[in-house]
Amino acid sequence: MIAALFTGIAAAPWMRAALRNGAIVLAVLLFLLALRRSGERAGRLAERLKATEKTNDVQRRMLEAAARRPRSRDDLADRLRNGRF
């Protein structure tokens, strides 16, 4: 019964045009929503990458500072006497 009703409604040329245009509008709307969602995802990934790079930079600087530290109290005293600390 529903199929017969739909077939009767879709038989009119203006209704076929309306259905076709509605389908096109729906497809474009879904495409735009998907595009927006992927843009938001890309933005979040870019923020995460930036935060990770900042963390890695801080850790690298900490490791470099640790590599330059005095190894013993005598080394520390020598550096303080020489004014290189």
PDB file of N, CA and C in Angstrom:
ATOM      1  N   MET A   1       0.815  -1.190   0.000  1.00  0.00           N
ATOM      2  CA  MET A   1       0.000   0.000   0.000  1.00  0.00           C
ATOM      3  C   MET A   1       0.863   1.260   0.000  1.00  0.00           C
ATOM      4  N   ILE A   2       1.906   1.245   0.835  1.00  0.00           N
ATOM      5  CA  ILE A   2       2.797   2.409   0.886  1.00  0.00           C
ATOM      6  C   ILE A   2       3.549   2.549  -0.432  1.00  0.00           C
ATOM      7  N   ALA A   3       3.961   1.411  -1.005  1.00  0.00           N
ATOM      8  CA  ALA A   3       4.671   1.459  -2.282  1.00  0.00           C
ATOM      9  C   ALA A   3       3.769   2.019  -3.373  1.00  0.00           C
ATOM     10  N   ALA A   4       2.505   1.638  -3.334  1.00  0.00           N
ATOM     11  CA  ALA A   4       1.570   2.152  -4.342  1.00  0.00           C
ATOM     12  C   ALA A   4       1.366   3.647  -4.152  1.00  0.00           C
ATOM     13  N   LEU A   5       1.271   4.078  -2.898  1.00  0.00           N
ATOM     14  CA  LEU A   5       1.100   5.507  -2.621  1.00  0.00           C
ATOM     15  C   LEU A   5       2.333   6.284  -3.079  1.00  0.00           C
ATOM     16  N   PHE A   6       3.528   5.753  -2.776  1.00  0.00           N
ATOM     17  CA  PHE A   6       4.761   6.422  -3.184  1.00  0.00           C
ATOM     18  C   PHE A   6       4.882   6.463  -4.706  1.00  0.00           C
ATOM     19  N   THR A   7       4.509   5.367  -5.332  1.00  0.00           N
ATOM     20  CA  THR A   7       4.568   5.326  -6.791  1.00  0.00           C
ATOM     21  C   THR A   7       3.603   6.342  -7.384  1.00  0.00           C
ATOM     22  N   GLY A   8       2.435   6.490  -6.768  1.00  0.00           N
ATOM     23  CA  GLY A   8       1.466   7.472  -7.254  1.00  0.00           C
ATOM     24  C   GLY A   8       1.963   8.892  -7.063  1.00  0.00           C
ATOM     25  N   ILE A   9       2.595   9.169  -5.930  1.00  0.00           N
ATOM     26  CA  ILE A   9       3.104  10.513  -5.661  1.00  0.00           C
ATOM     27  C   ILE A   9       4.293  10.811  -6.577  1.00  0.00           C
ATOM     28  N   ALA A  10       5.176   9.815  -6.759  1.00  0.00           N
ATOM     29  CA  ALA A  10       6.369  10.022  -7.574  1.00  0.00           C
ATOM     30  C   ALA A  10       6.054  10.025  -9.062  1.00  0.00           C
ATOM     31  N   ALA A  11       4.816   9.710  -9.417  1.00  0.00           N
ATOM     32  CA  ALA A  11       4.464   9.690 -10.829  1.00  0.00           C
ATOM     33  C   ALA A  11       4.341  11.093 -11.403  1.00  0.00           C
ATOM     34  N   ALA A  12       4.031  12.061 -10.558  1.00  0.00           N
ATOM     35  CA  ALA A  12       3.898  13.438 -11.036  1.00  0.00           C
ATOM     36  C   ALA A  12       5.281  13.998 -11.366  1.00  0.00           C
ATOM     37  N   PRO A  13       5.440  14.645 -12.503  1.00  0.00           N
ATOM     38  CA  PRO A  13       6.764  15.170 -12.891  1.00  0.00           C
ATOM     39  C   PRO A  13       7.302  16.190 -11.895  1.00  0.00           C
ATOM     40  N   TRP A  14       6.449  17.034 -11.339  1.00  0.00           N
ATOM     41  CA  TRP A  14       6.937  18.034 -10.380  1.00  0.00           C
ATOM     42  C   TRP A  14       7.399  17.369  -9.095  1.00  0.00           C
ATOM     43  N   MET A  15       6.758  16.231  -8.722  1.00  0.00           N
ATOM     44  CA  MET A  15       7.171  15.525  -7.507  1.00  0.00           C
ATOM     45  C   MET A  15       8.504  14.823  -7.725  1.00  0.00           C
ATOM     46  N   ARG A  16       8.732  14.264  -8.906  1.00  0.00           N
ATOM     47  CA  ARG A  16      10.029  13.646  -9.207  1.00  0.00           C
ATOM     48  C   ARG A  16      11.140  14.688  -9.151  1.00  0.00           C
ATOM     49  N   ALA A  17      10.866  15.873  -9.679  1.00  0.00           N
ATOM     50  CA  ALA A  17      11.865  16.953  -9.638  1.00  0.00           C
ATOM     51  C   ALA A  17      12.121  17.378  -8.202  1.00  0.00           C
ATOM     52  N   ALA A  18      11.044  17.461  -7.394  1.00  0.00           N
ATOM     53  CA  ALA A  18      11.210  17.850  -5.998  1.00  0.00           C
ATOM     54  C   ALA A  18      12.014  16.799  -5.232  1.00  0.00           C
ATOM     55  N   LEU A  19      11.729  15.532  -5.471  1.00  0.00           N
ATOM     56  CA  LEU A  19      12.483  14.461  -4.806  1.00  0.00           C
ATOM     57  C   LEU A  19      13.945  14.461  -5.230  1.00  0.00           C
ATOM     58  N   ARG A  20      14.193  14.666  -6.531  1.00  0.00           N
ATOM     59  CA  ARG A  20      15.564  14.707  -7.029  1.00  0.00           C
ATOM     60  C   ARG A  20      16.327  15.869  -6.401  1.00  0.00           C
ATOM     61  N   ASN A  21      15.699  17.042  -6.380  1.00  0.00           N
ATOM     62  CA  ASN A  21      16.359  18.212  -5.788  1.00  0.00           C
ATOM     63  C   ASN A  21      16.560  18.032  -4.286  1.00  0.00           C
ATOM     64  N   GLY A  22      15.588  17.410  -3.635  1.00  0.00           N
ATOM     65  CA  GLY A  22      15.741  17.137  -2.197  1.00  0.00           C
ATOM     66  C   GLY A  22      16.897  16.191  -1.934  1.00  0.00           C
ATOM     67  N   ALA A  23      17.045  15.175  -2.773  1.00  0.00           N
ATOM     68  CA  ALA A  23      18.158  14.236  -2.607  1.00  0.00           C
ATOM     69  C   ALA A  23      19.495  14.937  -2.829  1.00  0.00           C
ATOM     70  N   ILE A  24      19.540  15.826  -3.814  1.00  0.00           N
ATOM     71  CA  ILE A  24      20.787  16.566  -4.075  1.00  0.00           C
ATOM     72  C   ILE A  24      21.126  17.466  -2.899  1.00  0.00           C
ATOM     73  N   VAL A  25      20.114  18.168  -2.369  1.00  0.00           N
ATOM     74  CA  VAL A  25      20.350  19.049  -1.216  1.00  0.00           C
ATOM     75  C   VAL A  25      20.817  18.237  -0.018  1.00  0.00           C
ATOM     76  N   LEU A  26      20.196  17.082   0.212  1.00  0.00           N
ATOM     77  CA  LEU A  26      20.598  16.231   1.335  1.00  0.00           C
ATOM     78  C   LEU A  26      22.040  15.744   1.162  1.00  0.00           C
ATOM     79  N   ALA A  27      22.410  15.347  -0.052  1.00  0.00           N
ATOM     80  CA  ALA A  27      23.778  14.883  -0.294  1.00  0.00           C
ATOM     81  C   ALA A  27      24.790  15.998  -0.053  1.00  0.00           C
ATOM     82  N   VAL A  28      24.490  17.212  -0.507  1.00  0.00           N
ATOM     83  CA  VAL A  28      25.397  18.347  -0.299  1.00  0.00           C
ATOM     84  C   VAL A  28      25.505  18.674   1.185  1.00  0.00           C
ATOM     85  N   LEU A  29      24.386  18.632   1.888  1.00  0.00           N
ATOM     86  CA  LEU A  29      24.396  18.914   3.324  1.00  0.00           C
ATOM     87  C   LEU A  29      25.238  17.891   4.082  1.00  0.00           C
ATOM     88  N   LEU A  30      25.070  16.621   3.759  1.00  0.00           N
ATOM     89  CA  LEU A  30      25.874  15.586   4.413  1.00  0.00           C
ATOM     90  C   LEU A  30      27.352  15.738   4.094  1.00  0.00           C
ATOM     91  N   PHE A  31      27.659  16.118   2.855  1.00  0.00           N
ATOM     92  CA  PHE A  31      29.060  16.350   2.477  1.00  0.00           C
ATOM     93  C   PHE A  31      29.661  17.496   3.288  1.00  0.00           C
ATOM     94  N   LEU A  32      28.912  18.589   3.436  1.00  0.00           N
ATOM     95  CA  LEU A  32      29.426  19.735   4.195  1.00  0.00           C
ATOM     96  C   LEU A  32      29.616  19.400   5.666  1.00  0.00           C
ATOM     97  N   LEU A  33      28.692  18.622   6.221  1.00  0.00           N
ATOM     98  CA  LEU A  33      28.844  18.215   7.625  1.00  0.00           C
ATOM     99  C   LEU A  33      30.069  17.321   7.809  1.00  0.00           C
ATOM    100  N   ALA A  34      30.302  16.416   6.875  1.00  0.00           N
ATOM    101  CA  ALA A  34      31.488  15.553   6.954  1.00  0.00           C
ATOM    102  C   ALA A  34      32.762  16.374   6.803  1.00  0.00           C
ATOM    103  N   LEU A  35      32.729  17.361   5.924  1.00  0.00           N
ATOM    104  CA  LEU A  35      33.890  18.229   5.733  1.00  0.00           C
ATOM    105  C   LEU A  35      34.200  19.022   7.001  1.00  0.00           C
ATOM    106  N   ARG A  36      33.163  19.515   7.648  1.00  0.00           N
ATOM    107  CA  ARG A  36      33.350  20.266   8.898  1.00  0.00           C
ATOM    108  C   ARG A  36      33.940  19.367   9.981  1.00  0.00           C
ATOM    109  N   ARG A  37      33.419  18.147  10.073  1.00  0.00           N
ATOM    110  CA  ARG A  37      33.912  17.225  11.093  1.00  0.00           C
ATOM    111  C   ARG A  37      35.378  16.875  10.859  1.00  0.00           C
ATOM    112  N   SER A  38      35.751  16.645   9.613  1.00  0.00           N
ATOM    113  CA  SER A  38      37.152  16.321   9.333  1.00  0.00           C
ATOM    114  C   SER A  38      38.051  17.528   9.599  1.00  0.00           C
ATOM    115  N   GLY A  39      37.549  18.730   9.356  1.00  0.00           N
ATOM    116  CA  GLY A  39      38.320  19.931   9.683  1.00  0.00           C
ATOM    117  C   GLY A  39      38.546  20.078  11.170  1.00  0.00           C
ATOM    118  N   GLU A  40      37.517  19.799  11.955  1.00  0.00           N
ATOM    119  CA  GLU A  40      37.672  19.857  13.413  1.00  0.00           C
ATOM    120  C   GLU A  40      38.682  18.821  13.887  1.00  0.00           C
ATOM    121  N   ARG A  41      38.615  17.632  13.305  1.00  0.00           N
ATOM    122  CA  ARG A  41      39.551  16.565  13.687  1.00  0.00           C
ATOM    123  C   ARG A  41      40.983  16.976  13.343  1.00  0.00           C
ATOM    124  N   ALA A  42      41.158  17.576  12.182  1.00  0.00           N
ATOM    125  CA  ALA A  42      42.505  18.017  11.777  1.00  0.00           C
ATOM    126  C   ALA A  42      43.009  19.106  12.718  1.00  0.00           C
ATOM    127  N   GLY A  43      42.115  19.987  13.147  1.00  0.00           N
ATOM    128  CA  GLY A  43      42.516  21.032  14.091  1.00  0.00           C
ATOM    129  C   GLY A  43      42.956  20.461  15.424  1.00  0.00           C
ATOM    130  N   ARG A  44      42.216  19.472  15.906  1.00  0.00           N
ATOM    131  CA  ARG A  44      42.601  18.841  17.175  1.00  0.00           C
ATOM    132  C   ARG A  44      43.939  18.133  17.044  1.00  0.00           C
ATOM    133  N   LEU A  45      44.164  17.468  15.911  1.00  0.00           N
ATOM    134  CA  LEU A  45      45.442  16.791  15.703  1.00  0.00           C
ATOM    135  C   LEU A  45      46.596  17.786  15.623  1.00  0.00           C
ATOM    136  N   ALA A  46      46.347  18.930  15.011  1.00  0.00           N
ATOM    137  CA  ALA A  46      47.393  19.957  14.927  1.00  0.00           C
ATOM    138  C   ALA A  46      47.726  20.495  16.315  1.00  0.00           C
ATOM    139  N   GLU A  47      46.705  20.709  17.148  1.00  0.00           N
ATOM    140  CA  GLU A  47      46.954  21.166  18.518  1.00  0.00           C
ATOM    141  C   GLU A  47      47.741  20.131  19.309  1.00  0.00           C
ATOM    142  N   ARG A  48      47.384  18.852  19.129  1.00  0.00           N
ATOM    143  CA  ARG A  48      48.095  17.792  19.851  1.00  0.00           C
ATOM    144  C   ARG A  48      49.548  17.718  19.397  1.00  0.00           C
ATOM    145  N   LEU A  49      49.784  17.870  18.096  1.00  0.00           N
ATOM    146  CA  LEU A  49      51.155  17.853  17.575  1.00  0.00           C
ATOM    147  C   LEU A  49      51.966  19.006  18.149  1.00  0.00           C
ATOM    148  N   LYS A  50      51.350  20.185  18.210  1.00  0.00           N
ATOM    149  CA  LYS A  50      52.056  21.352  18.750  1.00  0.00           C
ATOM    150  C   LYS A  50      52.415  21.137  20.219  1.00  0.00           C
ATOM    151  N   ALA A  51      51.485  20.587  20.989  1.00  0.00           N
ATOM    152  CA  ALA A  51      51.755  20.324  22.406  1.00  0.00           C
ATOM    153  C   ALA A  51      52.851  19.271  22.561  1.00  0.00           C
ATOM    154  N   THR A  52      52.829  18.256  21.728  1.00  0.00           N
ATOM    155  CA  THR A  52      53.856  17.209  21.793  1.00  0.00           C
ATOM    156  C   THR A  52      55.228  17.773  21.438  1.00  0.00           C
ATOM    157  N   GLU A  53      55.286  18.622  20.417  1.00  0.00           N
ATOM    158  CA  GLU A  53      56.570  19.231  20.049  1.00  0.00           C
ATOM    159  C   GLU A  53      57.101  20.105  21.179  1.00  0.00           C
ATOM    160  N   LYS A  54      56.222  20.837  21.844  1.00  0.00           N
ATOM    161  CA  LYS A  54      56.649  21.683  22.956  1.00  0.00           C
ATOM    162  C   LYS A  54      57.185  20.829  24.107  1.00  0.00           C
ATOM    163  N   THR A  55      56.492  19.738  24.407  1.00  0.00           N
ATOM    164  CA  THR A  55      56.953  18.838  25.473  1.00  0.00           C
ATOM    165  C   THR A  55      58.299  18.226  25.121  1.00  0.00           C
ATOM    166  N   ASN A  56      58.452  17.788  23.875  1.00  0.00           N
ATOM    167  CA  ASN A  56      59.728  17.198  23.454  1.00  0.00           C
ATOM    168  C   ASN A  56      60.862  18.213  23.527  1.00  0.00           C
ATOM    169  N   ASP A  57      60.575  19.466  23.184  1.00  0.00           N
ATOM    170  CA  ASP A  57      61.602  20.505  23.254  1.00  0.00           C
ATOM    171  C   ASP A  57      62.044  20.732  24.697  1.00  0.00           C
ATOM    172  N   VAL A  58      61.081  20.779  25.611  1.00  0.00           N
ATOM    173  CA  VAL A  58      61.417  20.969  27.030  1.00  0.00           C
ATOM    174  C   VAL A  58      62.245  19.789  27.530  1.00  0.00           C
ATOM    175  N   GLN A  59      61.848  18.573  27.201  1.00  0.00           N
ATOM    176  CA  GLN A  59      62.607  17.396  27.647  1.00  0.00           C
ATOM    177  C   GLN A  59      64.012  17.380  27.055  1.00  0.00           C
ATOM    178  N   ARG A  60      64.140  17.776  25.792  1.00  0.00           N
ATOM    179  CA  ARG A  60      65.472  17.818  25.170  1.00  0.00           C
ATOM    180  C   ARG A  60      66.370  18.820  25.885  1.00  0.00           C
ATOM    181  N   ARG A  61      65.804  20.005  26.205  1.00  0.00           N
ATOM    182  CA  ARG A  61      66.615  21.011  26.913  1.00  0.00           C
ATOM    183  C   ARG A  61      67.011  20.529  28.306  1.00  0.00           C
ATOM    184  N   MET A  62      66.110  19.787  28.970  1.00  0.00           N
ATOM    185  CA  MET A  62      66.447  19.244  30.285  1.00  0.00           C
ATOM    186  C   MET A  62      67.573  18.224  30.182  1.00  0.00           C
ATOM    187  N   LEU A  63      67.527  17.382  29.155  1.00  0.00           N
ATOM    188  CA  LEU A  63      68.590  16.394  28.970  1.00  0.00           C
ATOM    189  C   LEU A  63      69.921  17.060  28.636  1.00  0.00           C
ATOM    190  N   GLU A  64      69.882  18.106  27.827  1.00  0.00           N
ATOM    191  CA  GLU A  64      71.120  18.828  27.513  1.00  0.00           C
ATOM    192  C   GLU A  64      71.697  19.486  28.760  1.00  0.00           C
ATOM    193  N   ALA A  65      70.831  20.051  29.602  1.00  0.00           N
ATOM    194  CA  ALA A  65      71.306  20.667  30.844  1.00  0.00           C
ATOM    195  C   ALA A  65      71.902  19.610  31.779  1.00  0.00           C
ATOM    196  N   ALA A  66      71.274  18.441  31.820  1.00  0.00           N
ATOM    197  CA  ALA A  66      71.792  17.370  32.677  1.00  0.00           C
ATOM    198  C   ALA A  66      73.136  16.870  32.169  1.00  0.00           C
ATOM    199  N   ALA A  67      73.340  16.897  30.851  1.00  0.00           N
ATOM    200  CA  ALA A  67      74.619  16.444  30.296  1.00  0.00           C
ATOM    201  C   ALA A  67      75.744  17.415  30.633  1.00  0.00           C
ATOM    202  N   ARG A  68      75.413  18.683  30.855  1.00  0.00           N
ATOM    203  CA  ARG A  68      76.442  19.689  31.156  1.00  0.00           C
ATOM    204  C   ARG A  68      76.671  19.883  32.651  1.00  0.00           C
ATOM    205  N   ARG A  69      75.953  19.171  33.484  1.00  0.00           N
ATOM    206  CA  ARG A  69      76.077  19.413  34.926  1.00  0.00           C
ATOM    207  C   ARG A  69      77.413  18.894  35.457  1.00  0.00           C
ATOM    208  N   PRO A  70      77.852  19.450  36.564  1.00  0.00           N
ATOM    209  CA  PRO A  70      79.096  18.956  37.173  1.00  0.00           C
ATOM    210  C   PRO A  70      78.898  17.535  37.700  1.00  0.00           C
ATOM    211  N   ARG A  71      79.898  16.691  37.533  1.00  0.00           N
ATOM    212  CA  ARG A  71      79.778  15.281  37.910  1.00  0.00           C
ATOM    213  C   ARG A  71      80.015  15.035  39.398  1.00  0.00           C
ATOM    214  N   SER A  72      80.778  15.905  40.038  1.00  0.00           N
ATOM    215  CA  SER A  72      81.075  15.705  41.463  1.00  0.00           C
ATOM    216  C   SER A  72      81.170  17.069  42.146  1.00  0.00           C
ATOM    217  N   ARG A  73      81.355  17.008  43.455  1.00  0.00           N
ATOM    218  CA  ARG A  73      81.507  18.259  44.212  1.00  0.00           C
ATOM    219  C   ARG A  73      82.776  19.001  43.809  1.00  0.00           C
ATOM    220  N   ASP A  74      83.802  18.245  43.496  1.00  0.00           N
ATOM    221  CA  ASP A  74      85.059  18.873  43.074  1.00  0.00           C
ATOM    222  C   ASP A  74      84.875  19.600  41.741  1.00  0.00           C
ATOM    223  N   ASP A  75      84.170  18.972  40.810  1.00  0.00           N
ATOM    224  CA  ASP A  75      83.894  19.639  39.531  1.00  0.00           C
ATOM    225  C   ASP A  75      83.080  20.905  39.741  1.00  0.00           C
ATOM    226  N   LEU A  76      82.122  20.836  40.654  1.00  0.00           N
ATOM    227  CA  LEU A  76      81.306  22.008  40.952  1.00  0.00           C
ATOM    228  C   LEU A  76      82.167  23.119  41.539  1.00  0.00           C
ATOM    229  N   ALA A  77      83.038  22.763  42.465  1.00  0.00           N
ATOM    230  CA  ALA A  77      83.906  23.764  43.078  1.00  0.00           C
ATOM    231  C   ALA A  77      84.833  24.383  42.034  1.00  0.00           C
ATOM    232  N   ASP A  78      85.394  23.562  41.141  1.00  0.00           N
ATOM    233  CA  ASP A  78      86.256  24.087  40.079  1.00  0.00           C
ATOM    234  C   ASP A  78      85.491  25.053  39.174  1.00  0.00           C
ATOM    235  N   ARG A  79      84.301  24.701  38.815  1.00  0.00           N
ATOM    236  CA  ARG A  79      83.503  25.577  37.949  1.00  0.00           C
ATOM    237  C   ARG A  79      83.175  26.890  38.654  1.00  0.00           C
ATOM    238  N   LEU A  80      82.882  26.816  39.949  1.00  0.00           N
ATOM    239  CA  LEU A  80      82.570  28.052  40.674  1.00  0.00           C
ATOM    240  C   LEU A  80      83.820  28.930  40.795  1.00  0.00           C
ATOM    241  N   ARG A  81      84.989  28.316  41.002  1.00  0.00           N
ATOM    242  CA  ARG A  81      86.228  29.090  41.119  1.00  0.00           C
ATOM    243  C   ARG A  81      86.587  29.739  39.803  1.00  0.00           C
ATOM    244  N   ASN A  82      86.358  29.055  38.703  1.00  0.00           N
ATOM    245  CA  ASN A  82      86.698  29.568  37.377  1.00  0.00           C
ATOM    246  C   ASN A  82      85.641  30.539  36.835  1.00  0.00           C
ATOM    247  N   GLY A  83      84.505  30.616  37.494  1.00  0.00           N
ATOM    248  CA  GLY A  83      83.450  31.525  37.040  1.00  0.00           C
ATOM    249  C   GLY A  83      82.688  31.023  35.811  1.00  0.00           C
ATOM    250  N   ARG A  84      82.694  29.732  35.579  1.00  0.00           N
ATOM    251  CA  ARG A  84      81.994  29.194  34.424  1.00  0.00           C
ATOM    252  C   ARG A  84      80.617  28.661  34.758  1.00  0.00           C
ATOM    253  N   PHE A  85      80.139  28.843  35.938  1.00  0.00           N
ATOM    254  CA  PHE A  85      78.875  28.242  36.330  1.00  0.00           C
ATOM    255  C   PHE A  85      77.715  29.142  36.075  1.00  0.00           C
TER     256      PHE A  85
END
